[in-house]
N, C-alpha and C. Protein backbone atom coordinates (compact mmCIF):
# COMPACT_ATOMS: atom_id res chain seq x y z
N MET A 1 -20.35 -69.47 3.30
CA MET A 1 -21.19 -68.51 2.76
C MET A 1 -19.94 -68.03 1.32
N ALA A 2 -20.06 -68.39 -0.18
CA ALA A 2 -19.09 -68.10 -0.80
C ALA A 2 -18.71 -66.82 -1.05
N ASN A 3 -19.39 -65.72 -0.80
CA ASN A 3 -19.08 -64.48 -0.82
C ASN A 3 -18.85 -63.92 0.64
N GLN A 4 -18.52 -64.75 1.64
CA GLN A 4 -18.04 -64.26 3.13
C GLN A 4 -16.52 -63.58 2.62
N ILE A 5 -16.75 -62.10 3.24
CA ILE A 5 -15.42 -61.37 3.60
C ILE A 5 -14.63 -61.83 4.43
N ASN A 6 -13.58 -61.86 4.59
CA ASN A 6 -12.67 -61.93 5.98
C ASN A 6 -12.70 -60.86 6.70
N LYS A 7 -13.39 -60.62 8.25
CA LYS A 7 -13.59 -59.37 8.37
C LYS A 7 -12.00 -58.67 7.85
N VAL A 8 -10.52 -59.64 8.41
CA VAL A 8 -9.78 -58.93 8.19
C VAL A 8 -9.20 -58.04 6.85
N ASP A 9 -9.48 -58.71 6.18
CA ASP A 9 -9.73 -57.78 4.51
C ASP A 9 -10.62 -56.41 4.58
N LEU A 10 -11.91 -56.75 4.70
CA LEU A 10 -12.64 -56.00 5.27
C LEU A 10 -12.20 -54.26 6.15
N ARG A 11 -11.31 -54.77 6.87
CA ARG A 11 -10.77 -54.00 7.85
C ARG A 11 -9.57 -53.21 6.89
N HIS A 12 -8.70 -54.00 5.84
CA HIS A 12 -8.14 -52.83 6.20
C HIS A 12 -8.43 -52.85 4.76
N SER A 13 -9.19 -52.68 4.14
CA SER A 13 -9.59 -52.01 2.99
C SER A 13 -10.93 -50.86 3.73
N LEU A 14 -10.86 -50.76 4.72
CA LEU A 14 -11.04 -50.21 5.07
C LEU A 14 -10.29 -48.98 5.75
N ASP A 15 -9.19 -49.54 6.41
CA ASP A 15 -7.85 -48.78 7.08
C ASP A 15 -7.24 -47.88 5.73
N ARG A 16 -7.07 -48.68 4.57
CA ARG A 16 -6.59 -48.33 3.78
C ARG A 16 -7.72 -46.81 2.87
N LEU A 17 -8.93 -47.09 2.76
CA LEU A 17 -9.92 -45.76 2.29
C LEU A 17 -9.21 -44.96 3.37
N TYR A 18 -9.52 -45.27 4.81
CA TYR A 18 -9.17 -44.19 5.44
C TYR A 18 -8.01 -43.35 5.68
N ASP A 19 -7.25 -43.80 5.63
CA ASP A 19 -5.44 -43.26 5.29
C ASP A 19 -5.69 -42.06 3.48
N VAL A 20 -6.60 -42.79 2.96
CA VAL A 20 -6.43 -41.93 1.78
C VAL A 20 -6.99 -40.63 2.22
N ILE A 21 -8.27 -41.09 2.49
CA ILE A 21 -8.98 -39.80 3.07
C ILE A 21 -7.88 -39.23 3.81
N ALA A 22 -7.88 -39.02 5.23
CA ALA A 22 -7.06 -38.44 5.91
C ALA A 22 -6.13 -37.52 5.17
N SER A 23 -5.31 -37.83 4.11
CA SER A 23 -4.37 -37.17 3.14
C SER A 23 -4.82 -36.23 2.41
N ARG A 24 -6.17 -36.23 2.42
CA ARG A 24 -6.72 -35.32 1.81
C ARG A 24 -7.14 -33.86 2.57
N LYS A 25 -6.73 -34.36 3.63
CA LYS A 25 -6.89 -32.73 4.78
C LYS A 25 -6.36 -31.81 4.40
N ASP A 26 -5.21 -31.70 4.24
CA ASP A 26 -4.34 -30.69 3.56
C ASP A 26 -4.35 -30.35 1.99
N GLU A 27 -5.22 -30.67 1.38
CA GLU A 27 -5.17 -30.58 -0.51
C GLU A 27 -6.14 -29.71 -0.48
N SER A 28 -6.00 -28.92 -1.62
CA SER A 28 -6.31 -27.79 -1.87
C SER A 28 -8.19 -28.49 -2.74
N PRO A 29 -9.00 -27.72 -1.74
CA PRO A 29 -10.35 -27.80 -2.23
C PRO A 29 -10.87 -27.87 -3.66
N GLU A 30 -9.98 -27.24 -4.62
CA GLU A 30 -10.33 -27.21 -6.24
C GLU A 30 -10.13 -28.10 -6.85
N ASP A 31 -9.05 -29.41 -6.17
CA ASP A 31 -8.23 -30.34 -6.66
C ASP A 31 -8.69 -31.85 -5.90
N SER A 32 -9.34 -31.80 -4.69
CA SER A 32 -10.45 -33.00 -4.13
C SER A 32 -11.51 -32.81 -3.78
N TYR A 33 -12.54 -33.51 -3.59
CA TYR A 33 -13.61 -33.96 -3.63
C TYR A 33 -13.62 -34.00 -1.87
N THR A 34 -12.53 -34.66 -2.03
CA THR A 34 -13.08 -34.68 -0.20
C THR A 34 -12.00 -33.78 0.72
N ALA A 35 -10.85 -33.07 -0.39
CA ALA A 35 -10.76 -32.05 0.32
C ALA A 35 -11.57 -30.66 0.74
N GLN A 36 -13.07 -30.48 -0.67
CA GLN A 36 -14.03 -30.26 -0.44
C GLN A 36 -14.94 -30.01 0.94
N LEU A 37 -14.60 -31.14 1.25
CA LEU A 37 -15.93 -31.92 2.66
C LEU A 37 -14.92 -31.57 3.92
N PHE A 38 -13.85 -31.45 3.80
CA PHE A 38 -12.73 -30.83 5.00
C PHE A 38 -12.57 -29.29 4.98
N ALA A 39 -13.23 -28.99 4.36
CA ALA A 39 -12.89 -27.44 4.14
C ALA A 39 -14.11 -26.77 4.99
N ASN A 40 -14.96 -27.88 4.71
CA ASN A 40 -16.48 -27.30 5.58
C ASN A 40 -17.21 -28.02 6.41
N ALA A 41 -16.00 -28.48 6.96
CA ALA A 41 -16.05 -29.60 8.45
C ALA A 41 -16.42 -28.50 9.05
N PRO A 42 -17.44 -29.31 10.60
CA PRO A 42 -18.03 -30.80 10.32
C PRO A 42 -19.33 -30.73 9.32
N ALA A 43 -20.31 -29.68 9.01
CA ALA A 43 -21.31 -29.45 8.70
C ALA A 43 -21.61 -30.03 7.37
N ASN A 44 -20.52 -29.89 6.61
CA ASN A 44 -21.02 -30.81 5.19
C ASN A 44 -20.77 -32.26 5.01
N PRO A 45 -19.40 -32.38 5.68
CA PRO A 45 -19.73 -34.12 5.69
C PRO A 45 -20.45 -34.66 6.75
N ALA A 46 -21.24 -34.06 7.49
CA ALA A 46 -22.09 -34.51 8.54
C ALA A 46 -23.48 -34.74 7.33
N ARG A 47 -23.85 -33.74 6.71
CA ARG A 47 -25.17 -33.15 5.57
C ARG A 47 -24.99 -34.68 4.91
N LYS A 48 -23.29 -35.01 3.88
CA LYS A 48 -23.41 -36.39 2.91
C LYS A 48 -23.80 -37.31 3.54
N LEU A 49 -23.46 -37.58 4.42
CA LEU A 49 -23.38 -38.96 5.77
C LEU A 49 -24.71 -38.96 5.76
N CYS A 50 -25.97 -38.05 5.92
CA CYS A 50 -27.41 -38.46 6.22
C CYS A 50 -27.38 -38.73 5.03
N GLU A 51 -27.61 -37.74 3.95
CA GLU A 51 -28.21 -38.05 2.18
C GLU A 51 -27.46 -39.03 2.36
N GLU A 52 -26.46 -39.53 2.18
CA GLU A 52 -26.04 -41.19 1.62
C GLU A 52 -27.45 -42.05 2.93
N ALA A 53 -27.05 -42.00 3.79
CA ALA A 53 -27.67 -43.31 4.39
C ALA A 53 -29.23 -43.33 4.21
N THR A 54 -29.47 -41.42 4.17
CA THR A 54 -31.31 -41.47 3.35
C THR A 54 -31.37 -42.79 2.08
N GLU A 55 -30.08 -41.96 1.17
CA GLU A 55 -30.16 -43.00 -0.25
C GLU A 55 -30.04 -45.05 0.11
N VAL A 56 -29.67 -44.91 1.01
CA VAL A 56 -29.31 -46.30 1.28
C VAL A 56 -30.38 -47.06 2.08
N LEU A 57 -31.29 -46.23 2.72
CA LEU A 57 -32.47 -46.74 2.99
C LEU A 57 -33.80 -46.62 1.94
N ILE A 58 -33.53 -45.89 1.43
CA ILE A 58 -34.29 -45.85 -0.24
C ILE A 58 -34.29 -47.48 -0.46
N GLU A 59 -32.41 -47.25 -0.65
CA GLU A 59 -32.22 -48.31 -1.94
C GLU A 59 -33.10 -49.58 -1.52
N ALA A 60 -32.64 -49.89 0.09
CA ALA A 60 -33.09 -51.38 0.88
C ALA A 60 -34.35 -51.18 0.99
N LEU A 61 -34.97 -50.37 1.05
CA LEU A 61 -37.17 -49.94 0.74
C LEU A 61 -37.39 -50.73 -0.63
N ASN A 62 -36.75 -50.83 -1.46
CA ASN A 62 -36.94 -50.73 -2.93
C ASN A 62 -36.77 -52.40 -3.11
N HIS A 63 -35.60 -52.76 -2.79
CA HIS A 63 -34.86 -54.23 -2.87
C HIS A 63 -33.84 -53.95 -4.02
N ASN A 64 -33.41 -52.82 -4.20
CA ASN A 64 -33.25 -52.65 -5.57
C ASN A 64 -30.98 -53.15 -4.96
N LYS A 65 -30.55 -54.06 -5.35
CA LYS A 65 -29.38 -54.70 -4.92
C LYS A 65 -28.28 -53.79 -5.51
N VAL A 66 -28.37 -54.05 -6.82
CA VAL A 66 -26.88 -53.00 -7.52
C VAL A 66 -26.71 -51.48 -7.01
N LYS A 67 -28.17 -50.59 -6.76
CA LYS A 67 -27.94 -49.58 -6.24
C LYS A 67 -27.89 -49.66 -4.38
N LEU A 68 -28.56 -50.71 -3.82
CA LEU A 68 -28.18 -50.50 -2.68
C LEU A 68 -26.55 -50.65 -2.45
N THR A 69 -25.78 -51.53 -3.46
CA THR A 69 -24.35 -51.67 -2.97
C THR A 69 -23.91 -50.10 -3.41
N ALA A 70 -24.26 -49.84 -4.16
CA ALA A 70 -23.63 -48.59 -4.67
C ALA A 70 -23.35 -47.64 -3.30
N GLU A 71 -24.66 -47.29 -2.72
CA GLU A 71 -24.76 -46.27 -1.77
C GLU A 71 -24.56 -46.48 -0.71
N SER A 72 -24.54 -48.13 -0.34
CA SER A 72 -23.96 -48.43 0.91
C SER A 72 -22.26 -48.08 0.92
N ALA A 73 -21.02 -48.54 -0.63
CA ALA A 73 -20.16 -47.96 -0.51
C ALA A 73 -19.78 -46.89 -0.23
N ASP A 74 -20.68 -45.50 -0.50
CA ASP A 74 -21.16 -43.91 -0.66
C ASP A 74 -21.45 -44.40 0.84
N LEU A 75 -22.33 -44.02 1.23
CA LEU A 75 -22.33 -43.59 2.86
C LEU A 75 -20.70 -44.55 3.69
N LEU A 76 -20.10 -45.43 3.18
CA LEU A 76 -19.12 -45.96 3.55
C LEU A 76 -18.15 -45.34 3.88
N TYR A 77 -17.76 -44.58 3.00
CA TYR A 77 -16.97 -43.47 2.66
C TYR A 77 -17.17 -42.42 3.32
N HIS A 78 -18.37 -41.73 3.44
CA HIS A 78 -18.92 -40.40 4.17
C HIS A 78 -18.88 -40.60 5.38
N LEU A 79 -19.18 -42.01 5.88
CA LEU A 79 -18.70 -42.24 7.58
C LEU A 79 -17.11 -41.86 7.52
N LEU A 80 -16.38 -42.73 7.11
CA LEU A 80 -14.93 -42.49 7.17
C LEU A 80 -14.45 -40.67 7.12
N VAL A 81 -14.64 -39.96 6.16
CA VAL A 81 -14.62 -38.97 5.94
C VAL A 81 -14.99 -38.13 7.54
N VAL A 82 -16.27 -38.27 7.84
CA VAL A 82 -16.62 -38.02 9.46
C VAL A 82 -16.19 -38.22 10.46
N TRP A 83 -15.61 -39.58 10.14
CA TRP A 83 -14.39 -39.93 11.10
C TRP A 83 -13.22 -39.20 11.47
N ALA A 84 -12.26 -39.23 10.31
CA ALA A 84 -11.50 -37.90 10.10
C ALA A 84 -11.91 -36.35 10.07
N VAL A 85 -12.38 -36.22 10.26
CA VAL A 85 -12.75 -34.74 10.55
C VAL A 85 -12.60 -34.81 12.16
N ALA A 86 -13.67 -36.13 13.38
CA ALA A 86 -13.42 -36.09 14.52
C ALA A 86 -12.18 -36.82 14.90
N ASP A 87 -11.23 -37.07 14.17
CA ASP A 87 -10.11 -37.68 14.64
C ASP A 87 -10.06 -38.49 15.47
N ILE A 88 -10.89 -39.86 14.92
CA ILE A 88 -11.48 -41.50 15.19
C ILE A 88 -10.37 -42.00 14.19
N ASP A 89 -10.24 -43.02 15.13
CA ASP A 89 -9.26 -43.82 14.84
C ASP A 89 -9.94 -44.90 14.05
N PRO A 90 -9.95 -45.48 13.06
CA PRO A 90 -10.81 -46.65 12.58
C PRO A 90 -10.46 -47.82 13.14
N GLN A 91 -9.46 -47.96 14.47
CA GLN A 91 -9.42 -49.02 15.07
C GLN A 91 -9.84 -48.94 16.21
N ASP A 92 -9.84 -47.56 16.48
CA ASP A 92 -10.84 -47.81 17.88
C ASP A 92 -12.21 -48.31 17.93
N VAL A 93 -12.96 -48.18 16.17
CA VAL A 93 -14.52 -48.54 16.45
C VAL A 93 -13.70 -49.81 16.37
N TRP A 94 -13.51 -50.56 15.51
CA TRP A 94 -12.92 -51.88 14.85
C TRP A 94 -12.54 -52.71 16.94
N GLN A 95 -12.06 -51.65 17.93
CA GLN A 95 -11.69 -52.16 19.15
C GLN A 95 -13.67 -52.60 19.71
N GLU A 96 -14.17 -51.23 19.37
CA GLU A 96 -15.24 -51.50 20.22
C GLU A 96 -15.76 -52.73 19.77
N LEU A 97 -16.59 -52.57 18.40
CA LEU A 97 -16.86 -54.17 17.66
C LEU A 97 -16.56 -55.09 18.24
N ASP A 98 -15.25 -55.17 18.01
CA ASP A 98 -15.42 -56.48 18.81
C ASP A 98 -15.42 -56.57 20.70
N ARG A 99 -15.56 -55.67 21.04
CA ARG A 99 -15.77 -55.73 22.21
C ARG A 99 -17.08 -56.13 22.88
N ARG A 100 -18.24 -55.50 21.91
CA ARG A 100 -19.35 -56.02 21.56
C ARG A 100 -20.00 -57.42 20.94
N GLN A 101 -18.93 -58.24 20.72
CA GLN A 101 -19.25 -59.71 20.40
C GLN A 101 -19.14 -60.27 21.05
N GLY A 102 -20.73 -61.05 20.48
CA GLY A 102 -21.14 -62.01 22.12
C GLY A 102 -21.75 -61.11 22.10
N THR A 103 -22.26 -59.88 22.74
CA THR A 103 -23.05 -59.04 23.61
C THR A 103 -24.27 -59.02 22.82
N SER A 104 -25.74 -59.55 23.52
CA SER A 104 -26.99 -59.50 23.05
C SER A 104 -27.23 -57.73 22.43
N GLY A 105 -27.47 -57.51 21.54
CA GLY A 105 -27.73 -56.19 21.09
C GLY A 105 -28.45 -55.74 22.22
N LEU A 106 -29.24 -56.16 22.26
CA LEU A 106 -30.51 -55.87 23.55
C LEU A 106 -29.82 -55.73 24.84
N VAL A 107 -29.28 -56.04 25.18
CA VAL A 107 -28.16 -55.63 26.63
C VAL A 107 -27.42 -54.61 26.40
N GLU A 108 -26.57 -55.17 25.07
CA GLU A 108 -25.61 -53.81 25.00
C GLU A 108 -26.11 -52.42 24.98
N LYS A 109 -27.29 -52.26 24.21
CA LYS A 109 -28.19 -51.18 23.87
C LYS A 109 -28.65 -50.76 25.41
N GLN A 110 -29.02 -51.37 26.04
CA GLN A 110 -29.55 -50.84 27.85
C GLN A 110 -28.40 -50.87 28.05
N SER A 111 -27.47 -51.38 28.07
CA SER A 111 -26.22 -50.55 28.96
C SER A 111 -25.57 -49.58 28.75
N ARG A 112 -26.21 -48.64 28.10
CA ARG A 112 -25.69 -47.20 27.05
C ARG A 112 -26.91 -46.64 27.60
N GLN A 113 -28.08 -47.00 28.00
CA GLN A 113 -28.98 -45.94 28.56
C GLN A 113 -28.96 -45.81 30.55
N LEU A 114 -27.52 -46.81 30.21
CA LEU A 114 -27.29 -46.85 31.94
C LEU A 114 -26.96 -45.09 32.85
């Protein structure tokens, strides 16, 4: 696949973005949108994540690749903000994804219901 992105590169990009987001925790909300989200956490970051997820859904249903791409970037950003608010290290998420690699989605989901 010509446009396939190496998962290490993707993780590195998201790790870098997470570091920038986390660095905004102590900045003035007047100077930083991310700091505004932190100032009203966890409610505002969670609401924004839900809003962006809805926008991704709408663009996916509309088959609008350009808008879906842009909204997906917004969704990832807001997900990383929620992780930072909850003090979740992206490495923990990457490890969980790696753990699930090669496991049927149906089997994995059933294991969480026990």
